[in-house]
Amino acid sequence: KASRQIASDYKYKEGYRKQLGHHIGARNIE
């Protein structure tokens, strides 16, 4: 199971998918 999770592309991009959309809607670029 540990080897499968290390080799899993889904687990590799899980952190990226969690932060998607969190920075949308900022008032300005700063």
PDB file of all heavy atoms in Angstrom:
ATOM      1  N   LYS A   1       0.831  -1.211   0.000  1.00  0.00           N
ATOM      2  CA  LYS A   1       0.000   0.000   0.000  1.00  0.00           C
ATOM      3  C   LYS A   1       0.863   1.258   0.000  1.00  0.00           C
ATOM      4  O   LYS A   1       0.566   2.234  -0.705  1.00  0.00           O
ATOM      5  CB  LYS A   1      -0.922  -0.012   1.210  1.00  0.00           C
ATOM      6  CG  LYS A   1      -2.061  -1.017   1.127  1.00  0.00           C
ATOM      7  CD  LYS A   1      -2.961  -0.910   2.344  1.00  0.00           C
ATOM      8  CE  LYS A   1      -4.135  -1.893   2.254  1.00  0.00           C
ATOM      9  NZ  LYS A   1      -5.028  -1.813   3.428  1.00  0.00           N
ATOM     10  N   ALA A   2       1.931   1.256   0.801  1.00  0.00           N
ATOM     11  CA  ALA A   2       2.806   2.435   0.847  1.00  0.00           C
ATOM     12  C   ALA A   2       3.484   2.656  -0.507  1.00  0.00           C
ATOM     13  O   ALA A   2       3.578   3.794  -0.989  1.00  0.00           O
ATOM     14  CB  ALA A   2       3.858   2.244   1.946  1.00  0.00           C
ATOM     15  N   SER A   3       3.932   1.595  -1.147  1.00  0.00           N
ATOM     16  CA  SER A   3       4.551   1.736  -2.463  1.00  0.00           C
ATOM     17  C   SER A   3       3.556   2.237  -3.499  1.00  0.00           C
ATOM     18  O   SER A   3       3.885   3.054  -4.358  1.00  0.00           O
ATOM     19  CB  SER A   3       5.128   0.381  -2.904  1.00  0.00           C
ATOM     20  OG  SER A   3       6.100  -0.063  -1.980  1.00  0.00           O
ATOM     21  N   ARG A   4       2.308   1.778  -3.400  1.00  0.00           N
ATOM     22  CA  ARG A   4       1.292   2.228  -4.345  1.00  0.00           C
ATOM     23  C   ARG A   4       0.991   3.707  -4.155  1.00  0.00           C
ATOM     24  O   ARG A   4       0.809   4.454  -5.114  1.00  0.00           O
ATOM     25  CB  ARG A   4       0.028   1.394  -4.157  1.00  0.00           C
ATOM     26  CG  ARG A   4      -1.072   1.720  -5.158  1.00  0.00           C
ATOM     27  CD  ARG A   4      -2.324   0.935  -4.839  1.00  0.00           C
ATOM     28  NE  ARG A   4      -2.832   1.282  -3.520  1.00  0.00           N
ATOM     29  CZ  ARG A   4      -3.866   0.671  -2.925  1.00  0.00           C
ATOM     30  NH1 ARG A   4      -4.450  -0.337  -3.526  1.00  0.00           N
ATOM     31  NH2 ARG A   4      -4.264   1.038  -1.737  1.00  0.00           N
ATOM     32  N   GLN A   5       0.937   4.160  -2.901  1.00  0.00           N
ATOM     33  CA  GLN A   5       0.671   5.575  -2.647  1.00  0.00           C
ATOM     34  C   GLN A   5       1.822   6.449  -3.123  1.00  0.00           C
ATOM     35  O   GLN A   5       1.620   7.560  -3.603  1.00  0.00           O
ATOM     36  CB  GLN A   5       0.418   5.780  -1.156  1.00  0.00           C
ATOM     37  CG  GLN A   5      -0.905   5.188  -0.666  1.00  0.00           C
ATOM     38  CD  GLN A   5      -1.107   5.386   0.822  1.00  0.00           C
ATOM     39  OE1 GLN A   5      -0.238   5.964   1.486  1.00  0.00           O
ATOM     40  NE2 GLN A   5      -2.222   4.897   1.348  1.00  0.00           N
ATOM     41  N   ILE A   6       3.048   5.946  -2.953  1.00  0.00           N
ATOM     42  CA  ILE A   6       4.203   6.731  -3.414  1.00  0.00           C
ATOM     43  C   ILE A   6       4.176   6.859  -4.937  1.00  0.00           C
ATOM     44  O   ILE A   6       4.456   7.922  -5.499  1.00  0.00           O
ATOM     45  CB  ILE A   6       5.507   6.056  -2.944  1.00  0.00           C
ATOM     46  CG1 ILE A   6       5.626   6.172  -1.422  1.00  0.00           C
ATOM     47  CG2 ILE A   6       6.721   6.682  -3.621  1.00  0.00           C
ATOM     48  CD1 ILE A   6       6.775   5.386  -0.847  1.00  0.00           C
ATOM     49  N   ALA A   7       3.818   5.774  -5.621  1.00  0.00           N
ATOM     50  CA  ALA A   7       3.798   5.776  -7.082  1.00  0.00           C
ATOM     51  C   ALA A   7       2.504   6.327  -7.665  1.00  0.00           C
ATOM     52  O   ALA A   7       2.386   6.478  -8.882  1.00  0.00           O
ATOM     53  CB  ALA A   7       4.014   4.353  -7.606  1.00  0.00           C
ATOM     54  N   SER A   8       1.517   6.658  -6.822  1.00  0.00           N
ATOM     55  CA  SER A   8       0.221   7.108  -7.320  1.00  0.00           C
ATOM     56  C   SER A   8       0.296   8.556  -7.779  1.00  0.00           C
ATOM     57  O   SER A   8       0.760   9.435  -7.055  1.00  0.00           O
ATOM     58  CB  SER A   8      -0.837   6.948  -6.227  1.00  0.00           C
ATOM     59  OG  SER A   8      -2.070   7.491  -6.639  1.00  0.00           O
ATOM     60  N   ASP A   9      -0.152   8.823  -8.993  1.00  0.00           N
ATOM     61  CA  ASP A   9      -0.198  10.196  -9.504  1.00  0.00           C
ATOM     62  C   ASP A   9      -1.299  11.000  -8.825  1.00  0.00           C
ATOM     63  O   ASP A   9      -1.187  12.219  -8.670  1.00  0.00           O
ATOM     64  CB  ASP A   9      -0.436  10.146 -11.022  1.00  0.00           C
ATOM     65  CG  ASP A   9      -0.318  11.508 -11.651  1.00  0.00           C
ATOM     66  OD1 ASP A   9       0.796  12.047 -11.695  1.00  0.00           O
ATOM     67  OD2 ASP A   9      -1.357  12.047 -12.097  1.00  0.00           O
ATOM     68  N   TYR A  10      -2.347  10.316  -8.371  1.00  0.00           N
ATOM     69  CA  TYR A  10      -3.448  11.000  -7.672  1.00  0.00           C
ATOM     70  C   TYR A  10      -2.956  11.555  -6.343  1.00  0.00           C
ATOM     71  O   TYR A  10      -3.247  12.708  -5.993  1.00  0.00           O
ATOM     72  CB  TYR A  10      -4.601  10.011  -7.462  1.00  0.00           C
ATOM     73  CG  TYR A  10      -5.770  10.587  -6.690  1.00  0.00           C
ATOM     74  CD1 TYR A  10      -6.703  11.416  -7.321  1.00  0.00           C
ATOM     75  CD2 TYR A  10      -5.934  10.306  -5.339  1.00  0.00           C
ATOM     76  CE1 TYR A  10      -7.757  11.952  -6.612  1.00  0.00           C
ATOM     77  CE2 TYR A  10      -6.982  10.842  -4.624  1.00  0.00           C
ATOM     78  CZ  TYR A  10      -7.900  11.660  -5.253  1.00  0.00           C
ATOM     79  OH  TYR A  10      -8.949  12.195  -4.557  1.00  0.00           O
ATOM     80  N   LYS A  11      -2.210  10.756  -5.579  1.00  0.00           N
ATOM     81  CA  LYS A  11      -1.673  11.232  -4.309  1.00  0.00           C
ATOM     82  C   LYS A  11      -0.641  12.325  -4.529  1.00  0.00           C
ATOM     83  O   LYS A  11      -0.503  13.236  -3.729  1.00  0.00           O
ATOM     84  CB  LYS A  11      -1.028  10.054  -3.561  1.00  0.00           C
ATOM     85  CG  LYS A  11      -2.032   9.039  -3.012  1.00  0.00           C
ATOM     86  CD  LYS A  11      -2.806   9.611  -1.833  1.00  0.00           C
ATOM     87  CE  LYS A  11      -3.734   8.576  -1.230  1.00  0.00           C
ATOM     88  NZ  LYS A  11      -4.511   9.134  -0.098  1.00  0.00           N
ATOM     89  N   TYR A  12       0.088  12.226  -5.650  1.00  0.00           N
ATOM     90  CA  TYR A  12       1.120  13.226  -5.929  1.00  0.00           C
ATOM     91  C   TYR A  12       0.516  14.612  -6.162  1.00  0.00           C
ATOM     92  O   TYR A  12       1.075  15.625  -5.768  1.00  0.00           O
ATOM     93  CB  TYR A  12       1.922  12.764  -7.154  1.00  0.00           C
ATOM     94  CG  TYR A  12       2.987  13.729  -7.598  1.00  0.00           C
ATOM     95  CD1 TYR A  12       4.160  13.903  -6.866  1.00  0.00           C
ATOM     96  CD2 TYR A  12       2.825  14.492  -8.750  1.00  0.00           C
ATOM     97  CE1 TYR A  12       5.138  14.784  -7.264  1.00  0.00           C
ATOM     98  CE2 TYR A  12       3.801  15.380  -9.164  1.00  0.00           C
ATOM     99  CZ  TYR A  12       4.954  15.518  -8.419  1.00  0.00           C
ATOM    100  OH  TYR A  12       5.920  16.397  -8.811  1.00  0.00           O
ATOM    101  N   LYS A  13      -0.673  14.662  -6.800  1.00  0.00           N
ATOM    102  CA  LYS A  13      -1.320  15.940  -7.112  1.00  0.00           C
ATOM    103  C   LYS A  13      -2.423  16.298  -6.129  1.00  0.00           C
ATOM    104  O   LYS A  13      -3.184  17.231  -6.386  1.00  0.00           O
ATOM    105  CB  LYS A  13      -1.903  15.873  -8.520  1.00  0.00           C
ATOM    106  CG  LYS A  13      -0.847  15.689  -9.606  1.00  0.00           C
ATOM    107  CD  LYS A  13      -1.466  15.663 -10.976  1.00  0.00           C
ATOM    108  CE  LYS A  13      -0.416  15.499 -12.058  1.00  0.00           C
ATOM    109  NZ  LYS A  13      -0.997  15.449 -13.409  1.00  0.00           N
ATOM    110  N   GLU A  14      -2.519  15.557  -5.021  1.00  0.00           N
ATOM    111  CA  GLU A  14      -3.607  15.819  -4.081  1.00  0.00           C
ATOM    112  C   GLU A  14      -3.457  17.180  -3.416  1.00  0.00           C
ATOM    113  O   GLU A  14      -4.422  17.940  -3.286  1.00  0.00           O
ATOM    114  CB  GLU A  14      -3.627  14.707  -3.025  1.00  0.00           C
ATOM    115  CG  GLU A  14      -4.806  14.819  -2.060  1.00  0.00           C
ATOM    116  CD  GLU A  14      -4.822  13.675  -1.070  1.00  0.00           C
ATOM    117  OE1 GLU A  14      -3.902  12.822  -1.105  1.00  0.00           O
ATOM    118  OE2 GLU A  14      -5.751  13.626  -0.254  1.00  0.00           O
ATOM    119  N   GLY A  15      -2.234  17.535  -3.013  1.00  0.00           N
ATOM    120  CA  GLY A  15      -2.014  18.839  -2.386  1.00  0.00           C
ATOM    121  C   GLY A  15      -2.276  19.988  -3.337  1.00  0.00           C
ATOM    122  O   GLY A  15      -2.819  21.032  -2.946  1.00  0.00           O
ATOM    123  N   TYR A  16      -1.937  19.793  -4.607  1.00  0.00           N
ATOM    124  CA  TYR A  16      -2.193  20.848  -5.597  1.00  0.00           C
ATOM    125  C   TYR A  16      -3.689  21.049  -5.807  1.00  0.00           C
ATOM    126  O   TYR A  16      -4.174  22.176  -5.919  1.00  0.00           O
ATOM    127  CB  TYR A  16      -1.503  20.469  -6.909  1.00  0.00           C
ATOM    128  CG  TYR A  16      -1.896  21.333  -8.083  1.00  0.00           C
ATOM    129  CD1 TYR A  16      -1.481  22.651  -8.181  1.00  0.00           C
ATOM    130  CD2 TYR A  16      -2.715  20.818  -9.083  1.00  0.00           C
ATOM    131  CE1 TYR A  16      -1.858  23.438  -9.257  1.00  0.00           C
ATOM    132  CE2 TYR A  16      -3.091  21.586 -10.156  1.00  0.00           C
ATOM    133  CZ  TYR A  16      -2.662  22.901 -10.238  1.00  0.00           C
ATOM    134  OH  TYR A  16      -3.047  23.669 -11.293  1.00  0.00           O
ATOM    135  N   ARG A  17      -4.443  19.945  -5.851  1.00  0.00           N
ATOM    136  CA  ARG A  17      -5.891  20.065  -6.055  1.00  0.00           C
ATOM    137  C   ARG A  17      -6.586  20.683  -4.852  1.00  0.00           C
ATOM    138  O   ARG A  17      -7.614  21.345  -4.993  1.00  0.00           O
ATOM    139  CB  ARG A  17      -6.477  18.679  -6.360  1.00  0.00           C
ATOM    140  CG  ARG A  17      -6.256  18.218  -7.792  1.00  0.00           C
ATOM    141  CD  ARG A  17      -7.102  17.000  -8.108  1.00  0.00           C
ATOM    142  NE  ARG A  17      -6.666  15.856  -7.319  1.00  0.00           N
ATOM    143  CZ  ARG A  17      -5.751  14.987  -7.733  1.00  0.00           C
ATOM    144  NH1 ARG A  17      -5.193  15.147  -8.919  1.00  0.00           N
ATOM    145  NH2 ARG A  17      -5.396  13.961  -6.983  1.00  0.00           N
ATOM    146  N   LYS A  18      -6.033  20.502  -3.648  1.00  0.00           N
ATOM    147  CA  LYS A  18      -6.653  21.076  -2.453  1.00  0.00           C
ATOM    148  C   LYS A  18      -6.558  22.601  -2.439  1.00  0.00           C
ATOM    149  O   LYS A  18      -7.454  23.287  -1.957  1.00  0.00           O
ATOM    150  CB  LYS A  18      -5.999  20.498  -1.207  1.00  0.00           C
ATOM    151  CG  LYS A  18      -6.417  19.072  -0.904  1.00  0.00           C
ATOM    152  CD  LYS A  18      -5.763  18.591   0.384  1.00  0.00           C
ATOM    153  CE  LYS A  18      -6.210  17.171   0.720  1.00  0.00           C
ATOM    154  NZ  LYS A  18      -5.571  16.669   1.966  1.00  0.00           N
ATOM    155  N   GLN A  19      -5.444  23.135  -2.971  1.00  0.00           N
ATOM    156  CA  GLN A  19      -5.267  24.582  -2.929  1.00  0.00           C
ATOM    157  C   GLN A  19      -5.821  25.288  -4.171  1.00  0.00           C
ATOM    158  O   GLN A  19      -5.717  26.513  -4.275  1.00  0.00           O
ATOM    159  CB  GLN A  19      -3.794  24.912  -2.777  1.00  0.00           C
ATOM    160  CG  GLN A  19      -2.943  24.529  -3.968  1.00  0.00           C
ATOM    161  CD  GLN A  19      -1.489  24.910  -3.772  1.00  0.00           C
ATOM    162  OE1 GLN A  19      -1.134  25.496  -2.754  1.00  0.00           O
ATOM    163  NE2 GLN A  19      -0.656  24.583  -4.756  1.00  0.00           N
ATOM    164  N   LEU A  20      -6.366  24.498  -5.125  1.00  0.00           N
ATOM    165  CA  LEU A  20      -6.985  25.131  -6.283  1.00  0.00           C
ATOM    166  C   LEU A  20      -8.221  25.923  -5.858  1.00  0.00           C
ATOM    167  O   LEU A  20      -9.078  25.430  -5.135  1.00  0.00           O
ATOM    168  CB  LEU A  20      -7.384  24.068  -7.314  1.00  0.00           C
ATOM    169  CG  LEU A  20      -6.246  23.400  -8.097  1.00  0.00           C
ATOM    170  CD1 LEU A  20      -6.813  22.338  -9.029  1.00  0.00           C
ATOM    171  CD2 LEU A  20      -5.492  24.435  -8.899  1.00  0.00           C
ATOM    172  N   GLY A  21      -8.311  27.158  -6.332  1.00  0.00           N
ATOM    173  CA  GLY A  21      -9.466  27.999  -6.031  1.00  0.00           C
ATOM    174  C   GLY A  21      -9.350  28.800  -4.756  1.00  0.00           C
ATOM    175  O   GLY A  21     -10.219  29.629  -4.475  1.00  0.00           O
ATOM    176  N   HIS A  22      -8.319  28.587  -3.953  1.00  0.00           N
ATOM    177  CA  HIS A  22      -8.195  29.331  -2.692  1.00  0.00           C
ATOM    178  C   HIS A  22      -7.726  30.760  -2.913  1.00  0.00           C
ATOM    179  O   HIS A  22      -7.960  31.615  -2.063  1.00  0.00           O
ATOM    180  CB  HIS A  22      -7.223  28.611  -1.762  1.00  0.00           C
ATOM    181  CG  HIS A  22      -7.778  27.309  -1.241  1.00  0.00           C
ATOM    182  ND1 HIS A  22      -7.124  26.557  -0.292  1.00  0.00           N
ATOM    183  CD2 HIS A  22      -8.914  26.632  -1.522  1.00  0.00           C
ATOM    184  CE1 HIS A  22      -7.843  25.469  -0.031  1.00  0.00           C
ATOM    185  NE2 HIS A  22      -8.930  25.498  -0.769  1.00  0.00           N
ATOM    186  N   HIS A  23      -7.024  31.013  -4.041  1.00  0.00           N
ATOM    187  CA  HIS A  23      -6.492  32.348  -4.277  1.00  0.00           C
ATOM    188  C   HIS A  23      -7.312  33.108  -5.317  1.00  0.00           C
ATOM    189  O   HIS A  23      -6.875  34.137  -5.805  1.00  0.00           O
ATOM    190  CB  HIS A  23      -5.040  32.256  -4.758  1.00  0.00           C
ATOM    191  CG  HIS A  23      -4.132  31.595  -3.754  1.00  0.00           C
ATOM    192  ND1 HIS A  23      -3.726  32.220  -2.594  1.00  0.00           N
ATOM    193  CD2 HIS A  23      -3.591  30.353  -3.737  1.00  0.00           C
ATOM    194  CE1 HIS A  23      -2.954  31.407  -1.905  1.00  0.00           C
ATOM    195  NE2 HIS A  23      -2.847  30.254  -2.573  1.00  0.00           N
ATOM    196  N   ILE A  24      -8.440  32.577  -5.704  1.00  0.00           N
ATOM    197  CA  ILE A  24      -9.295  33.264  -6.657  1.00  0.00           C
ATOM    198  C   ILE A  24     -10.160  34.283  -5.916  1.00  0.00           C
ATOM    199  O   ILE A  24     -10.703  34.009  -4.845  1.00  0.00           O
ATOM    200  CB  ILE A  24     -10.182  32.250  -7.417  1.00  0.00           C
ATOM    201  CG1 ILE A  24      -9.290  31.281  -8.203  1.00  0.00           C
ATOM    202  CG2 ILE A  24     -11.148  32.954  -8.334  1.00  0.00           C
ATOM    203  CD1 ILE A  24     -10.053  30.193  -8.888  1.00  0.00           C
ATOM    204  N   GLY A  25     -10.288  35.473  -6.510  1.00  0.00           N
ATOM    205  CA  GLY A  25     -11.122  36.501  -5.889  1.00  0.00           C
ATOM    206  C   GLY A  25     -10.346  37.495  -5.060  1.00  0.00           C
ATOM    207  O   GLY A  25     -10.934  38.178  -4.219  1.00  0.00           O
ATOM    208  N   ALA A  26      -9.019  37.608  -5.256  1.00  0.00           N
ATOM    209  CA  ALA A  26      -8.239  38.595  -4.530  1.00  0.00           C
ATOM    210  C   ALA A  26      -8.618  39.996  -5.007  1.00  0.00           C
ATOM    211  O   ALA A  26      -8.936  40.218  -6.175  1.00  0.00           O
ATOM    212  CB  ALA A  26      -6.747  38.333  -4.740  1.00  0.00           C
ATOM    213  N   ARG A  27      -8.574  40.952  -4.083  1.00  0.00           N
ATOM    214  CA  ARG A  27      -8.971  42.323  -4.423  1.00  0.00           C
ATOM    215  C   ARG A  27      -7.982  42.985  -5.384  1.00  0.00           C
ATOM    216  O   ARG A  27      -8.381  43.759  -6.240  1.00  0.00           O
ATOM    217  CB  ARG A  27      -9.102  43.144  -3.146  1.00  0.00           C
ATOM    218  CG  ARG A  27     -10.287  42.726  -2.270  1.00  0.00           C
ATOM    219  CD  ARG A  27     -10.319  43.488  -0.976  1.00  0.00           C
ATOM    220  NE  ARG A  27      -9.140  43.214  -0.167  1.00  0.00           N
ATOM    221  CZ  ARG A  27      -8.883  43.797   1.010  1.00  0.00           C
ATOM    222  NH1 ARG A  27      -9.732  44.698   1.488  1.00  0.00           N
ATOM    223  NH2 ARG A  27      -7.800  43.492   1.691  1.00  0.00           N
ATOM    224  N   ASN A  28      -6.700  42.682  -5.239  1.00  0.00           N
ATOM    225  CA  ASN A  28      -5.697  43.225  -6.148  1.00  0.00           C
ATOM    226  C   ASN A  28      -4.526  42.236  -6.221  1.00  0.00           C
ATOM    227  O   ASN A  28      -4.505  41.213  -5.532  1.00  0.00           O
ATOM    228  CB  ASN A  28      -5.212  44.611  -5.698  1.00  0.00           C
ATOM    229  CG  ASN A  28      -4.844  44.606  -4.210  1.00  0.00           C
ATOM    230  OD1 ASN A  28      -4.515  43.562  -3.670  1.00  0.00           O
ATOM    231  ND2 ASN A  28      -4.897  45.759  -3.581  1.00  0.00           N
ATOM    232  N   ILE A  29      -3.577  42.588  -7.055  1.00  0.00           N
ATOM    233  CA  ILE A  29      -2.444  41.684  -7.267  1.00  0.00           C
ATOM    234  C   ILE A  29      -1.565  41.592  -6.035  1.00  0.00           C
ATOM    235  O   ILE A  29      -0.983  40.535  -5.743  1.00  0.00           O
ATOM    236  CB  ILE A  29      -1.631  42.157  -8.490  1.00  0.00           C
ATOM    237  CG1 ILE A  29      -2.508  42.141  -9.741  1.00  0.00           C
ATOM    238  CG2 ILE A  29      -0.397  41.304  -8.705  1.00  0.00           C
ATOM    239  CD1 ILE A  29      -1.828  42.642 -10.973  1.00  0.00           C
ATOM    240  N   GLU A  30      -1.483  42.695  -5.263  1.00  0.00           N
ATOM    241  CA  GLU A  30      -0.614  42.687  -4.089  1.00  0.00           C
ATOM    242  C   GLU A  30      -1.075  41.700  -3.031  1.00  0.00           C
ATOM    243  O   GLU A  30      -0.272  41.260  -2.184  1.00  0.00           O
ATOM    244  CB  GLU A  30      -0.532  44.094  -3.481  1.00  0.00           C
ATOM    245  CG  GLU A  30       0.322  45.078  -4.260  1.00  0.00           C
ATOM    246  CD  GLU A  30      -0.393  45.598  -5.499  1.00  0.00           C
ATOM    247  OE1 GLU A  30      -1.598  45.265  -5.670  1.00  0.00           O
ATOM    248  OE2 GLU A  30       0.238  46.319  -6.298  1.00  0.00           O
TER     249      GLU A  30
END
